[in-house]
């Protein structure tokens, strides 16, 4: 929080949206998850790197059965895509070459920082 108070830039991985997606996929009430995370500052920019559940599975490989894990990852993705649709997250197709994904993230971040600086907030 000190960095935010000074007007600095903070970069975070996952943040409250991961709680919403992963706990929501476990059938926890999303309204309750939002309430619990209500204290967290609202970000100026939140990006969702979308990949199909099958791609996520190939990158993860954890203990559960493959089918159980695949269904869970599909539910997580559905929630993330709803957050994109609702305007809470910025969508980037993560199923492309890393250089292209990096370029998109960089451009969106610079655009957001520039707008915030011009607005003086």
PDB file of N, CA and C in Angstrom:
ATOM      1  N   UNK A   1       0.798  -1.198   0.000  1.00  0.00           N
ATOM      2  CA  UNK A   1       0.000   0.000   0.000  1.00  0.00           C
ATOM      3  C   UNK A   1       0.846   1.271   0.000  1.00  0.00           C
ATOM      4  N   UNK A   2       2.030   1.278   0.623  1.00  0.00           N
ATOM      5  CA  UNK A   2       2.823   2.514   0.595  1.00  0.00           C
ATOM      6  C   UNK A   2       3.137   2.964  -0.833  1.00  0.00           C
ATOM      7  N   UNK A   3       3.405   2.021  -1.710  1.00  0.00           N
ATOM      8  CA  UNK A   3       3.705   2.379  -3.097  1.00  0.00           C
ATOM      9  C   UNK A   3       2.500   3.039  -3.754  1.00  0.00           C
ATOM     10  N   UNK A   4       1.319   2.516  -3.499  1.00  0.00           N
ATOM     11  CA  UNK A   4       0.103   3.124  -4.052  1.00  0.00           C
ATOM     12  C   UNK A   4      -0.111   4.528  -3.501  1.00  0.00           C
ATOM     13  N   UNK A   5       0.108   4.691  -2.215  1.00  0.00           N
ATOM     14  CA  UNK A   5      -0.062   6.016  -1.600  1.00  0.00           C
ATOM     15  C   UNK A   5       0.893   7.043  -2.200  1.00  0.00           C
ATOM     16  N   UNK A   6       2.065   6.594  -2.603  1.00  0.00           N
ATOM     17  CA  UNK A   6       3.041   7.498  -3.220  1.00  0.00           C
ATOM     18  C   UNK A   6       2.757   7.719  -4.702  1.00  0.00           C
ATOM     19  N   UNK A   7       1.739   7.048  -5.222  1.00  0.00           N
ATOM     20  CA  UNK A   7       1.419   7.178  -6.640  1.00  0.00           C
ATOM     21  C   UNK A   7       2.225   6.258  -7.529  1.00  0.00           C
ATOM     22  N   UNK A   8       2.852   5.264  -6.921  1.00  0.00           N
ATOM     23  CA  UNK A   8       3.671   4.324  -7.681  1.00  0.00           C
ATOM     24  C   UNK A   8       2.839   3.283  -8.409  1.00  0.00           C
ATOM     25  N   UNK A   9       3.520   2.487  -9.189  1.00  0.00           N
ATOM     26  CA  UNK A   9       2.889   1.423  -9.965  1.00  0.00           C
ATOM     27  C   UNK A   9       3.121   0.097  -9.253  1.00  0.00           C
ATOM     28  N   UNK A  10       2.057  -0.676  -9.107  1.00  0.00           N
ATOM     29  CA  UNK A  10       2.133  -1.995  -8.483  1.00  0.00           C
ATOM     30  C   UNK A  10       1.660  -3.027  -9.502  1.00  0.00           C
ATOM     31  N   UNK A  11       2.451  -4.064  -9.702  1.00  0.00           N
ATOM     32  CA  UNK A  11       2.077  -5.158 -10.589  1.00  0.00           C
ATOM     33  C   UNK A  11       1.856  -6.387  -9.718  1.00  0.00           C
ATOM     34  N   UNK A  12       0.730  -7.048  -9.929  1.00  0.00           N
ATOM     35  CA  UNK A  12       0.371  -8.205  -9.117  1.00  0.00           C
ATOM     36  C   UNK A  12      -0.057  -9.352 -10.021  1.00  0.00           C
ATOM     37  N   UNK A  13       0.237 -10.559  -9.602  1.00  0.00           N
ATOM     38  CA  UNK A  13      -0.184 -11.749 -10.327  1.00  0.00           C
ATOM     39  C   UNK A  13      -1.435 -12.311  -9.660  1.00  0.00           C
ATOM     40  N   UNK A  14      -2.483 -12.497 -10.422  1.00  0.00           N
ATOM     41  CA  UNK A  14      -3.758 -13.081 -10.004  1.00  0.00           C
ATOM     42  C   UNK A  14      -4.672 -12.091  -9.294  1.00  0.00           C
ATOM     43  N   UNK A  15      -4.392 -11.695  -8.088  1.00  0.00           N
ATOM     44  CA  UNK A  15      -5.188 -10.731  -7.334  1.00  0.00           C
ATOM     45  C   UNK A  15      -6.565 -11.305  -7.007  1.00  0.00           C
ATOM     46  N   UNK A  16      -7.563 -10.467  -6.791  1.00  0.00           N
ATOM     47  CA  UNK A  16      -8.874 -10.940  -6.328  1.00  0.00           C
ATOM     48  C   UNK A  16      -9.605 -11.761  -7.380  1.00  0.00           C
ATOM     49  N   UNK A  17      -9.274 -11.555  -8.640  1.00  0.00           N
ATOM     50  CA  UNK A  17      -9.979 -12.262  -9.703  1.00  0.00           C
ATOM     51  C   UNK A  17      -9.678 -13.753  -9.679  1.00  0.00           C
ATOM     52  N   UNK A  18      -8.509 -14.139  -9.225  1.00  0.00           N
ATOM     53  CA  UNK A  18      -8.191 -15.559  -9.078  1.00  0.00           C
ATOM     54  C   UNK A  18      -9.063 -16.178  -7.994  1.00  0.00           C
ATOM     55  N   UNK A  19      -9.285 -15.448  -6.899  1.00  0.00           N
ATOM     56  CA  UNK A  19     -10.182 -15.944  -5.846  1.00  0.00           C
ATOM     57  C   UNK A  19     -11.581 -16.146  -6.399  1.00  0.00           C
ATOM     58  N   UNK A  20     -12.061 -15.162  -7.147  1.00  0.00           N
ATOM     59  CA  UNK A  20     -13.405 -15.258  -7.717  1.00  0.00           C
ATOM     60  C   UNK A  20     -13.496 -16.464  -8.651  1.00  0.00           C
ATOM     61  N   UNK A  21     -12.524 -16.625  -9.540  1.00  0.00           N
ATOM     62  CA  UNK A  21     -12.581 -17.705 -10.528  1.00  0.00           C
ATOM     63  C   UNK A  21     -12.390 -19.081  -9.902  1.00  0.00           C
ATOM     64  N   UNK A  22     -11.350 -19.254  -9.091  1.00  0.00           N
ATOM     65  CA  UNK A  22     -11.054 -20.583  -8.564  1.00  0.00           C
ATOM     66  C   UNK A  22     -12.028 -21.010  -7.473  1.00  0.00           C
ATOM     67  N   UNK A  23     -12.372 -20.113  -6.563  1.00  0.00           N
ATOM     68  CA  UNK A  23     -13.347 -20.474  -5.535  1.00  0.00           C
ATOM     69  C   UNK A  23     -14.740 -20.586  -6.139  1.00  0.00           C
ATOM     70  N   UNK A  24     -15.042 -19.718  -7.103  1.00  0.00           N
ATOM     71  CA  UNK A  24     -16.325 -19.812  -7.799  1.00  0.00           C
ATOM     72  C   UNK A  24     -16.463 -21.134  -8.530  1.00  0.00           C
ATOM     73  N   UNK A  25     -15.380 -21.614  -9.127  1.00  0.00           N
ATOM     74  CA  UNK A  25     -15.400 -22.905  -9.820  1.00  0.00           C
ATOM     75  C   UNK A  25     -15.614 -24.058  -8.847  1.00  0.00           C
ATOM     76  N   UNK A  26     -15.306 -23.821  -7.564  1.00  0.00           N
ATOM     77  CA  UNK A  26     -15.557 -24.826  -6.527  1.00  0.00           C
ATOM     78  C   UNK A  26     -16.946 -24.644  -5.923  1.00  0.00           C
ATOM     79  N   UNK A  27     -17.763 -23.824  -6.577  1.00  0.00           N
ATOM     80  CA  UNK A  27     -19.166 -23.592  -6.202  1.00  0.00           C
ATOM     81  C   UNK A  27     -19.337 -22.712  -4.965  1.00  0.00           C
ATOM     82  N   UNK A  28     -18.295 -21.953  -4.587  1.00  0.00           N
ATOM     83  CA  UNK A  28     -18.430 -20.975  -3.508  1.00  0.00           C
ATOM     84  C   UNK A  28     -19.173 -19.782  -4.097  1.00  0.00           C
ATOM     85  N   UNK A  29     -20.090 -19.207  -3.339  1.00  0.00           N
ATOM     86  CA  UNK A  29     -20.896 -18.084  -3.812  1.00  0.00           C
ATOM     87  C   UNK A  29     -20.002 -16.903  -4.202  1.00  0.00           C
ATOM     88  N   UNK A  30     -20.116 -16.461  -5.436  1.00  0.00           N
ATOM     89  CA  UNK A  30     -19.260 -15.382  -5.936  1.00  0.00           C
ATOM     90  C   UNK A  30     -19.542 -14.070  -5.209  1.00  0.00           C
ATOM     91  N   UNK A  31     -20.792 -13.816  -4.843  1.00  0.00           N
ATOM     92  CA  UNK A  31     -21.115 -12.612  -4.071  1.00  0.00           C
ATOM     93  C   UNK A  31     -20.376 -12.594  -2.744  1.00  0.00           C
ATOM     94  N   UNK A  32     -20.292 -13.745  -2.096  1.00  0.00           N
ATOM     95  CA  UNK A  32     -19.572 -13.843  -0.824  1.00  0.00           C
ATOM     96  C   UNK A  32     -18.075 -13.616  -1.039  1.00  0.00           C
ATOM     97  N   UNK A  33     -17.530 -14.200  -2.118  1.00  0.00           N
ATOM     98  CA  UNK A  33     -16.104 -14.016  -2.420  1.00  0.00           C
ATOM     99  C   UNK A  33     -15.807 -12.536  -2.630  1.00  0.00           C
ATOM    100  N   UNK A  34     -16.682 -11.845  -3.356  1.00  0.00           N
ATOM    101  CA  UNK A  34     -16.497 -10.406  -3.581  1.00  0.00           C
ATOM    102  C   UNK A  34     -16.545  -9.643  -2.255  1.00  0.00           C
ATOM    103  N   UNK A  35     -17.468 -10.029  -1.392  1.00  0.00           N
ATOM    104  CA  UNK A  35     -17.610  -9.367  -0.088  1.00  0.00           C
ATOM    105  C   UNK A  35     -16.330  -9.520   0.733  1.00  0.00           C
ATOM    106  N   UNK A  36     -15.792 -10.720   0.771  1.00  0.00           N
ATOM    107  CA  UNK A  36     -14.569 -10.987   1.530  1.00  0.00           C
ATOM    108  C   UNK A  36     -13.396 -10.173   0.976  1.00  0.00           C
ATOM    109  N   UNK A  37     -13.363  -9.978  -0.334  1.00  0.00           N
ATOM    110  CA  UNK A  37     -12.270  -9.252  -0.984  1.00  0.00           C
ATOM    111  C   UNK A  37     -12.573  -7.769  -1.182  1.00  0.00           C
ATOM    112  N   UNK A  38     -13.652  -7.294  -0.594  1.00  0.00           N
ATOM    113  CA  UNK A  38     -14.097  -5.914  -0.790  1.00  0.00           C
ATOM    114  C   UNK A  38     -13.070  -4.880  -0.316  1.00  0.00           C
ATOM    115  N   UNK A  39     -12.213  -5.255   0.616  1.00  0.00           N
ATOM    116  CA  UNK A  39     -11.199  -4.342   1.156  1.00  0.00           C
ATOM    117  C   UNK A  39     -10.098  -4.030   0.141  1.00  0.00           C
ATOM    118  N   UNK A  40      -9.915  -4.885  -0.825  1.00  0.00           N
ATOM    119  CA  UNK A  40      -8.791  -4.749  -1.768  1.00  0.00           C
ATOM    120  C   UNK A  40      -9.009  -3.566  -2.705  1.00  0.00           C
ATOM    121  N   UNK A  41      -7.961  -2.790  -2.947  1.00  0.00           N
ATOM    122  CA  UNK A  41      -8.098  -1.666  -3.880  1.00  0.00           C
ATOM    123  C   UNK A  41      -8.462  -2.150  -5.285  1.00  0.00           C
ATOM    124  N   UNK A  42      -9.291  -1.375  -5.970  1.00  0.00           N
ATOM    125  CA  UNK A  42      -9.675  -1.710  -7.340  1.00  0.00           C
ATOM    126  C   UNK A  42      -8.515  -1.354  -8.270  1.00  0.00           C
ATOM    127  N   UNK A  43      -8.088  -2.293  -9.098  1.00  0.00           N
ATOM    128  CA  UNK A  43      -6.953  -2.007  -9.988  1.00  0.00           C
ATOM    129  C   UNK A  43      -7.354  -1.097 -11.151  1.00  0.00           C
ATOM    130  N   UNK A  44      -6.388  -0.363 -11.659  1.00  0.00           N
ATOM    131  CA  UNK A  44      -6.610   0.436 -12.861  1.00  0.00           C
ATOM    132  C   UNK A  44      -6.663  -0.453 -14.095  1.00  0.00           C
ATOM    133  N   UNK A  45      -5.993  -1.580 -14.020  1.00  0.00           N
ATOM    134  CA  UNK A  45      -5.945  -2.517 -15.135  1.00  0.00           C
ATOM    135  C   UNK A  45      -5.805  -3.923 -14.581  1.00  0.00           C
ATOM    136  N   UNK A  46      -6.622  -4.828 -15.090  1.00  0.00           N
ATOM    137  CA  UNK A  46      -6.511  -6.247 -14.750  1.00  0.00           C
ATOM    138  C   UNK A  46      -6.628  -7.020 -16.056  1.00  0.00           C
ATOM    139  N   UNK A  47      -5.663  -7.855 -16.326  1.00  0.00           N
ATOM    140  CA  UNK A  47      -5.585  -8.573 -17.597  1.00  0.00           C
ATOM    141  C   UNK A  47      -5.836 -10.056 -17.366  1.00  0.00           C
ATOM    142  N   UNK A  48      -6.637 -10.652 -18.247  1.00  0.00           N
ATOM    143  CA  UNK A  48      -6.847 -12.096 -18.236  1.00  0.00           C
ATOM    144  C   UNK A  48      -6.193 -12.673 -19.485  1.00  0.00           C
ATOM    145  N   UNK A  49      -5.204 -13.546 -19.286  1.00  0.00           N
ATOM    146  CA  UNK A  49      -4.561 -14.244 -20.397  1.00  0.00           C
ATOM    147  C   UNK A  49      -5.327 -15.535 -20.638  1.00  0.00           C
ATOM    148  N   UNK A  50      -6.123 -15.562 -21.670  1.00  0.00           N
ATOM    149  CA  UNK A  50      -7.005 -16.686 -21.933  1.00  0.00           C
ATOM    150  C   UNK A  50      -6.304 -17.781 -22.721  1.00  0.00           C
ATOM    151  N   UNK A  51      -6.446 -18.997 -22.234  1.00  0.00           N
ATOM    152  CA  UNK A  51      -6.042 -20.185 -22.985  1.00  0.00           C
ATOM    153  C   UNK A  51      -7.141 -21.227 -22.790  1.00  0.00           C
ATOM    154  N   UNK A  52      -7.386 -22.074 -23.788  1.00  0.00           N
ATOM    155  CA  UNK A  52      -8.361 -23.140 -23.607  1.00  0.00           C
ATOM    156  C   UNK A  52      -7.989 -24.017 -22.410  1.00  0.00           C
ATOM    157  N   UNK A  53      -8.988 -24.614 -21.795  1.00  0.00           N
ATOM    158  CA  UNK A  53      -8.759 -25.451 -20.612  1.00  0.00           C
ATOM    159  C   UNK A  53      -7.760 -26.570 -20.901  1.00  0.00           C
ATOM    160  N   UNK A  54      -7.808 -27.114 -22.104  1.00  0.00           N
ATOM    161  CA  UNK A  54      -6.889 -28.196 -22.462  1.00  0.00           C
ATOM    162  C   UNK A  54      -5.435 -27.705 -22.459  1.00  0.00           C
ATOM    163  N   UNK A  55      -5.220 -26.473 -22.902  1.00  0.00           N
ATOM    164  CA  UNK A  55      -3.870 -25.897 -22.892  1.00  0.00           C
ATOM    165  C   UNK A  55      -3.426 -25.669 -21.450  1.00  0.00           C
ATOM    166  N   UNK A  56      -4.333 -25.139 -20.633  1.00  0.00           N
ATOM    167  CA  UNK A  56      -4.017 -24.936 -19.213  1.00  0.00           C
ATOM    168  C   UNK A  56      -3.642 -26.265 -18.567  1.00  0.00           C
ATOM    169  N   UNK A  57      -4.386 -27.303 -18.902  1.00  0.00           N
ATOM    170  CA  UNK A  57      -4.102 -28.632 -18.349  1.00  0.00           C
ATOM    171  C   UNK A  57      -2.699 -29.100 -18.723  1.00  0.00           C
ATOM    172  N   UNK A  58      -2.308 -28.882 -19.951  1.00  0.00           N
ATOM    173  CA  UNK A  58      -0.988 -29.346 -20.390  1.00  0.00           C
ATOM    174  C   UNK A  58       0.126 -28.584 -19.682  1.00  0.00           C
ATOM    175  N   UNK A  59      -0.196 -27.390 -19.187  1.00  0.00           N
ATOM    176  CA  UNK A  59       0.800 -26.581 -18.479  1.00  0.00           C
ATOM    177  C   UNK A  59       0.813 -26.871 -16.980  1.00  0.00           C
ATOM    178  N   UNK A  60      -0.252 -27.438 -16.462  1.00  0.00           N
ATOM    179  CA  UNK A  60      -0.395 -27.607 -15.011  1.00  0.00           C
ATOM    180  C   UNK A  60       0.012 -29.001 -14.547  1.00  0.00           C
ATOM    181  N   UNK A  61      -0.731 -30.003 -14.930  1.00  0.00           N
ATOM    182  CA  UNK A  61      -0.523 -31.404 -14.522  1.00  0.00           C
ATOM    183  C   UNK A  61      -0.346 -31.570 -13.017  1.00  0.00           C
ATOM    184  N   UNK A  62      -1.470 -31.546 -12.310  1.00  0.00           N
ATOM    185  CA  UNK A  62      -1.430 -31.754 -10.853  1.00  0.00           C
ATOM    186  C   UNK A  62      -2.057 -33.098 -10.512  1.00  0.00           C
ATOM    187  N   UNK A  63      -2.300 -33.331  -9.228  1.00  0.00           N
ATOM    188  CA  UNK A  63      -2.720 -34.615  -8.718  1.00  0.00           C
ATOM    189  C   UNK A  63      -4.066 -35.173  -9.128  1.00  0.00           C
ATOM    190  N   UNK A  64      -5.075 -34.363  -9.362  1.00  0.00           N
ATOM    191  CA  UNK A  64      -6.406 -34.903  -9.654  1.00  0.00           C
ATOM    192  C   UNK A  64      -6.422 -35.676 -10.966  1.00  0.00           C
ATOM    193  N   UNK A  65      -7.528 -36.419 -11.157  1.00  0.00           N
ATOM    194  CA  UNK A  65      -7.672 -37.126 -12.423  1.00  0.00           C
ATOM    195  C   UNK A  65      -7.765 -36.103 -13.550  1.00  0.00           C
ATOM    196  N   UNK A  66      -7.343 -36.499 -14.725  1.00  0.00           N
ATOM    197  CA  UNK A  66      -7.300 -35.581 -15.863  1.00  0.00           C
ATOM    198  C   UNK A  66      -8.685 -35.020 -16.170  1.00  0.00           C
ATOM    199  N   UNK A  67      -9.710 -35.852 -16.201  1.00  0.00           N
ATOM    200  CA  UNK A  67     -11.060 -35.382 -16.536  1.00  0.00           C
ATOM    201  C   UNK A  67     -11.605 -34.443 -15.468  1.00  0.00           C
ATOM    202  N   UNK A  68     -11.379 -34.776 -14.196  1.00  0.00           N
ATOM    203  CA  UNK A  68     -11.839 -33.918 -13.106  1.00  0.00           C
ATOM    204  C   UNK A  68     -11.157 -32.558 -13.197  1.00  0.00           C
ATOM    205  N   UNK A  69      -9.882 -32.561 -13.435  1.00  0.00           N
ATOM    206  CA  UNK A  69      -9.123 -31.311 -13.532  1.00  0.00           C
ATOM    207  C   UNK A  69      -9.556 -30.504 -14.760  1.00  0.00           C
ATOM    208  N   UNK A  70      -9.807 -31.173 -15.872  1.00  0.00           N
ATOM    209  CA  UNK A  70     -10.239 -30.492 -17.089  1.00  0.00           C
ATOM    210  C   UNK A  70     -11.576 -29.791 -16.871  1.00  0.00           C
ATOM    211  N   UNK A  71     -12.521 -30.471 -16.241  1.00  0.00           N
ATOM    212  CA  UNK A  71     -13.827 -29.851 -15.973  1.00  0.00           C
ATOM    213  C   UNK A  71     -13.677 -28.646 -15.052  1.00  0.00           C
ATOM    214  N   UNK A  72     -12.827 -28.759 -14.054  1.00  0.00           N
ATOM    215  CA  UNK A  72     -12.577 -27.640 -13.139  1.00  0.00           C
ATOM    216  C   UNK A  72     -11.980 -26.455 -13.899  1.00  0.00           C
ATOM    217  N   UNK A  73     -10.976 -26.713 -14.732  1.00  0.00           N
ATOM    218  CA  UNK A  73     -10.338 -25.634 -15.503  1.00  0.00           C
ATOM    219  C   UNK A  73     -11.332 -24.972 -16.452  1.00  0.00           C
ATOM    220  N   UNK A  74     -12.259 -25.745 -16.985  1.00  0.00           N
ATOM    221  CA  UNK A  74     -13.299 -25.163 -17.851  1.00  0.00           C
ATOM    222  C   UNK A  74     -14.197 -24.223 -17.052  1.00  0.00           C
ATOM    223  N   UNK A  75     -14.556 -24.616 -15.823  1.00  0.00           N
ATOM    224  CA  UNK A  75     -15.388 -23.740 -14.973  1.00  0.00           C
ATOM    225  C   UNK A  75     -14.631 -22.466 -14.609  1.00  0.00           C
ATOM    226  N   UNK A  76     -13.343 -22.607 -14.289  1.00  0.00           N
ATOM    227  CA  UNK A  76     -12.511 -21.434 -13.971  1.00  0.00           C
ATOM    228  C   UNK A  76     -12.494 -20.487 -15.163  1.00  0.00           C
ATOM    229  N   UNK A  77     -12.265 -21.015 -16.340  1.00  0.00           N
ATOM    230  CA  UNK A  77     -12.202 -20.190 -17.553  1.00  0.00           C
ATOM    231  C   UNK A  77     -13.529 -19.487 -17.804  1.00  0.00           C
ATOM    232  N   UNK A  78     -14.645 -20.188 -17.617  1.00  0.00           N
ATOM    233  CA  UNK A  78     -15.964 -19.568 -17.807  1.00  0.00           C
ATOM    234  C   UNK A  78     -16.140 -18.356 -16.898  1.00  0.00           C
ATOM    235  N   UNK A  79     -15.703 -18.475 -15.658  1.00  0.00           N
ATOM    236  CA  UNK A  79     -15.827 -17.355 -14.716  1.00  0.00           C
ATOM    237  C   UNK A  79     -14.927 -16.202 -15.143  1.00  0.00           C
ATOM    238  N   UNK A  80     -13.695 -16.505 -15.510  1.00  0.00           N
ATOM    239  CA  UNK A  80     -12.802 -15.445 -15.996  1.00  0.00           C
ATOM    240  C   UNK A  80     -13.411 -14.742 -17.214  1.00  0.00           C
ATOM    241  N   UNK A  81     -13.965 -15.500 -18.153  1.00  0.00           N
ATOM    242  CA  UNK A  81     -14.548 -14.891 -19.349  1.00  0.00           C
ATOM    243  C   UNK A  81     -15.763 -14.038 -19.009  1.00  0.00           C
ATOM    244  N   UNK A  82     -16.507 -14.416 -17.976  1.00  0.00           N
ATOM    245  CA  UNK A  82     -17.621 -13.572 -17.529  1.00  0.00           C
ATOM    246  C   UNK A  82     -17.085 -12.263 -16.949  1.00  0.00           C
ATOM    247  N   UNK A  83     -15.987 -12.324 -16.204  1.00  0.00           N
ATOM    248  CA  UNK A  83     -15.368 -11.110 -15.663  1.00  0.00           C
ATOM    249  C   UNK A  83     -14.885 -10.204 -16.797  1.00  0.00           C
ATOM    250  N   UNK A  84     -14.402 -10.797 -17.876  1.00  0.00           N
ATOM    251  CA  UNK A  84     -14.017 -10.018 -19.059  1.00  0.00           C
ATOM    252  C   UNK A  84     -15.257  -9.355 -19.647  1.00  0.00           C
ATOM    253  N   UNK A  85     -16.317 -10.140 -19.831  1.00  0.00           N
ATOM    254  CA  UNK A  85     -17.566  -9.621 -20.406  1.00  0.00           C
ATOM    255  C   UNK A  85     -18.140  -8.490 -19.557  1.00  0.00           C
ATOM    256  N   UNK A  86     -18.015  -8.606 -18.240  1.00  0.00           N
ATOM    257  CA  UNK A  86     -18.541  -7.589 -17.325  1.00  0.00           C
ATOM    258  C   UNK A  86     -17.638  -6.356 -17.228  1.00  0.00           C
ATOM    259  N   UNK A  87     -16.514  -6.372 -17.937  1.00  0.00           N
ATOM    260  CA  UNK A  87     -15.627  -5.215 -17.966  1.00  0.00           C
ATOM    261  C   UNK A  87     -14.641  -5.124 -16.817  1.00  0.00           C
ATOM    262  N   UNK A  88     -14.502  -6.198 -16.043  1.00  0.00           N
ATOM    263  CA  UNK A  88     -13.574  -6.178 -14.912  1.00  0.00           C
ATOM    264  C   UNK A  88     -12.155  -6.570 -15.309  1.00  0.00           C
ATOM    265  N   UNK A  89     -12.038  -7.333 -16.368  1.00  0.00           N
ATOM    266  CA  UNK A  89     -10.731  -7.791 -16.838  1.00  0.00           C
ATOM    267  C   UNK A  89     -10.567  -7.451 -18.318  1.00  0.00           C
ATOM    268  N   UNK A  90      -9.340  -7.197 -18.715  1.00  0.00           N
ATOM    269  CA  UNK A  90      -9.005  -6.981 -20.120  1.00  0.00           C
ATOM    270  C   UNK A  90      -8.542  -8.311 -20.703  1.00  0.00           C
ATOM    271  N   UNK A  91      -9.127  -8.690 -21.818  1.00  0.00           N
ATOM    272  CA  UNK A  91      -8.860  -9.986 -22.443  1.00  0.00           C
ATOM    273  C   UNK A  91      -7.626  -9.937 -23.337  1.00  0.00           C
ATOM    274  N   UNK A  92      -6.770 -10.930 -23.181  1.00  0.00           N
ATOM    275  CA  UNK A  92      -5.657 -11.160 -24.101  1.00  0.00           C
ATOM    276  C   UNK A  92      -5.621 -12.656 -24.403  1.00  0.00           C
ATOM    277  N   UNK A  93      -5.541 -12.989 -25.675  1.00  0.00           N
ATOM    278  CA  UNK A  93      -5.441 -14.385 -26.086  1.00  0.00           C
ATOM    279  C   UNK A  93      -4.048 -14.896 -25.731  1.00  0.00           C
ATOM    280  N   UNK A  94      -3.978 -15.762 -24.739  1.00  0.00           N
ATOM    281  CA  UNK A  94      -2.702 -16.291 -24.272  1.00  0.00           C
ATOM    282  C   UNK A  94      -2.235 -17.524 -25.023  1.00  0.00           C
ATOM    283  N   UNK A  95      -3.011 -17.952 -26.000  1.00  0.00           N
ATOM    284  CA  UNK A  95      -2.668 -19.147 -26.769  1.00  0.00           C
ATOM    285  C   UNK A  95      -1.987 -18.746 -28.084  1.00  0.00           C
ATOM    286  N   UNK A  96      -1.007 -17.863 -27.956  1.00  0.00           N
ATOM    287  CA  UNK A  96      -0.237 -17.360 -29.095  1.00  0.00           C
ATOM    288  C   UNK A  96       1.232 -17.343 -28.707  1.00  0.00           C
ATOM    289  N   UNK A  97       2.107 -17.031 -29.636  1.00  0.00           N
ATOM    290  CA  UNK A  97       3.530 -16.929 -29.274  1.00  0.00           C
ATOM    291  C   UNK A  97       3.740 -15.923 -28.145  1.00  0.00           C
ATOM    292  N   UNK A  98       4.635 -16.266 -27.236  1.00  0.00           N
ATOM    293  CA  UNK A  98       4.865 -15.451 -26.044  1.00  0.00           C
ATOM    294  C   UNK A  98       5.243 -14.013 -26.405  1.00  0.00           C
ATOM    295  N   UNK A  99       5.948 -13.825 -27.501  1.00  0.00           N
ATOM    296  CA  UNK A  99       6.341 -12.474 -27.912  1.00  0.00           C
ATOM    297  C   UNK A  99       5.117 -11.617 -28.221  1.00  0.00           C
ATOM    298  N   UNK A 100       4.111 -12.218 -28.876  1.00  0.00           N
ATOM    299  CA  UNK A 100       2.883 -11.487 -29.208  1.00  0.00           C
ATOM    300  C   UNK A 100       2.093 -11.141 -27.951  1.00  0.00           C
ATOM    301  N   UNK A 101       2.018 -12.098 -27.032  1.00  0.00           N
ATOM    302  CA  UNK A 101       1.310 -11.866 -25.771  1.00  0.00           C
ATOM    303  C   UNK A 101       2.013 -10.764 -24.983  1.00  0.00           C
ATOM    304  N   UNK A 102       3.338 -10.847 -24.887  1.00  0.00           N
ATOM    305  CA  UNK A 102       4.115  -9.813 -24.183  1.00  0.00           C
ATOM    306  C   UNK A 102       3.870  -8.430 -24.776  1.00  0.00           C
ATOM    307  N   UNK A 103       3.865  -8.346 -26.092  1.00  0.00           N
ATOM    308  CA  UNK A 103       3.657  -7.063 -26.775  1.00  0.00           C
ATOM    309  C   UNK A 103       2.284  -6.487 -26.430  1.00  0.00           C
ATOM    310  N   UNK A 104       1.253  -7.330 -26.450  1.00  0.00           N
ATOM    311  CA  UNK A 104      -0.096  -6.862 -26.102  1.00  0.00           C
ATOM    312  C   UNK A 104      -0.153  -6.367 -24.663  1.00  0.00           C
ATOM    313  N   UNK A 105       0.430  -7.129 -23.743  1.00  0.00           N
ATOM    314  CA  UNK A 105       0.433  -6.724 -22.331  1.00  0.00           C
ATOM    315  C   UNK A 105       1.147  -5.385 -22.177  1.00  0.00           C
ATOM    316  N   UNK A 106       2.299  -5.253 -22.788  1.00  0.00           N
ATOM    317  CA  UNK A 106       3.070  -4.010 -22.706  1.00  0.00           C
ATOM    318  C   UNK A 106       2.255  -2.831 -23.233  1.00  0.00           C
ATOM    319  N   UNK A 107       1.662  -2.984 -24.411  1.00  0.00           N
ATOM    320  CA  UNK A 107       0.901  -1.883 -25.013  1.00  0.00           C
ATOM    321  C   UNK A 107      -0.302  -1.479 -24.171  1.00  0.00           C
ATOM    322  N   UNK A 108      -1.018  -2.452 -23.640  1.00  0.00           N
ATOM    323  CA  UNK A 108      -2.180  -2.149 -22.801  1.00  0.00           C
ATOM    324  C   UNK A 108      -1.738  -1.469 -21.510  1.00  0.00           C
ATOM    325  N   UNK A 109      -0.662  -1.950 -20.916  1.00  0.00           N
ATOM    326  CA  UNK A 109      -0.162  -1.341 -19.676  1.00  0.00           C
ATOM    327  C   UNK A 109       0.280   0.100 -19.914  1.00  0.00           C
ATOM    328  N   UNK A 110       1.019   0.349 -20.980  1.00  0.00           N
ATOM    329  CA  UNK A 110       1.472   1.712 -21.286  1.00  0.00           C
ATOM    330  C   UNK A 110       0.277   2.627 -21.535  1.00  0.00           C
ATOM    331  N   UNK A 111      -0.708   2.142 -22.263  1.00  0.00           N
ATOM    332  CA  UNK A 111      -1.914   2.940 -22.529  1.00  0.00           C
ATOM    333  C   UNK A 111      -2.625   3.308 -21.224  1.00  0.00           C
ATOM    334  N   UNK A 112      -2.757   2.356 -20.318  1.00  0.00           N
ATOM    335  CA  UNK A 112      -3.422   2.601 -19.037  1.00  0.00           C
ATOM    336  C   UNK A 112      -2.630   3.588 -18.191  1.00  0.00           C
ATOM    337  N   UNK A 113      -1.330   3.404 -18.113  1.00  0.00           N
ATOM    338  CA  UNK A 113      -0.481   4.310 -17.326  1.00  0.00           C
ATOM    339  C   UNK A 113      -0.534   5.719 -17.906  1.00  0.00           C
ATOM    340  N   UNK A 114      -0.483   5.831 -19.225  1.00  0.00           N
ATOM    341  CA  UNK A 114      -0.531   7.144 -19.881  1.00  0.00           C
ATOM    342  C   UNK A 114      -1.849   7.850 -19.592  1.00  0.00           C
ATOM    343  N   UNK A 115      -2.966   7.137 -19.730  1.00  0.00           N
ATOM    344  CA  UNK A 115      -4.279   7.737 -19.445  1.00  0.00           C
ATOM    345  C   UNK A 115      -4.365   8.197 -17.998  1.00  0.00           C
ATOM    346  N   UNK A 116      -3.880   7.380 -17.085  1.00  0.00           N
ATOM    347  CA  UNK A 116      -3.923   7.730 -15.665  1.00  0.00           C
ATOM    348  C   UNK A 116      -3.053   8.958 -15.394  1.00  0.00           C
ATOM    349  N   UNK A 117      -1.881   9.017 -16.014  1.00  0.00           N
ATOM    350  CA  UNK A 117      -0.975  10.155 -15.823  1.00  0.00           C
ATOM    351  C   UNK A 117      -1.600  11.439 -16.382  1.00  0.00           C
ATOM    352  N   UNK A 118      -2.186  11.359 -17.571  1.00  0.00           N
ATOM    353  CA  UNK A 118      -2.818  12.529 -18.186  1.00  0.00           C
ATOM    354  C   UNK A 118      -3.988  13.009 -17.340  1.00  0.00           C
ATOM    355  N   UNK A 119      -4.746  12.055 -16.779  1.00  0.00           N
ATOM    356  CA  UNK A 119      -5.893  12.411 -15.936  1.00  0.00           C
ATOM    357  C   UNK A 119      -5.445  12.954 -14.585  1.00  0.00           C
ATOM    358  N   UNK A 120      -4.193  12.701 -14.230  1.00  0.00           N
ATOM    359  CA  UNK A 120      -3.664  13.202 -12.964  1.00  0.00           C
ATOM    360  C   UNK A 120      -4.128  12.442 -11.747  1.00  0.00           C
ATOM    361  N   UNK A 121      -4.526  11.191 -11.948  1.00  0.00           N
ATOM    362  CA  UNK A 121      -4.969  10.377 -10.804  1.00  0.00           C
ATOM    363  C   UNK A 121      -3.974   9.305 -10.480  1.00  0.00           C
TER     364      UNK A 121
END
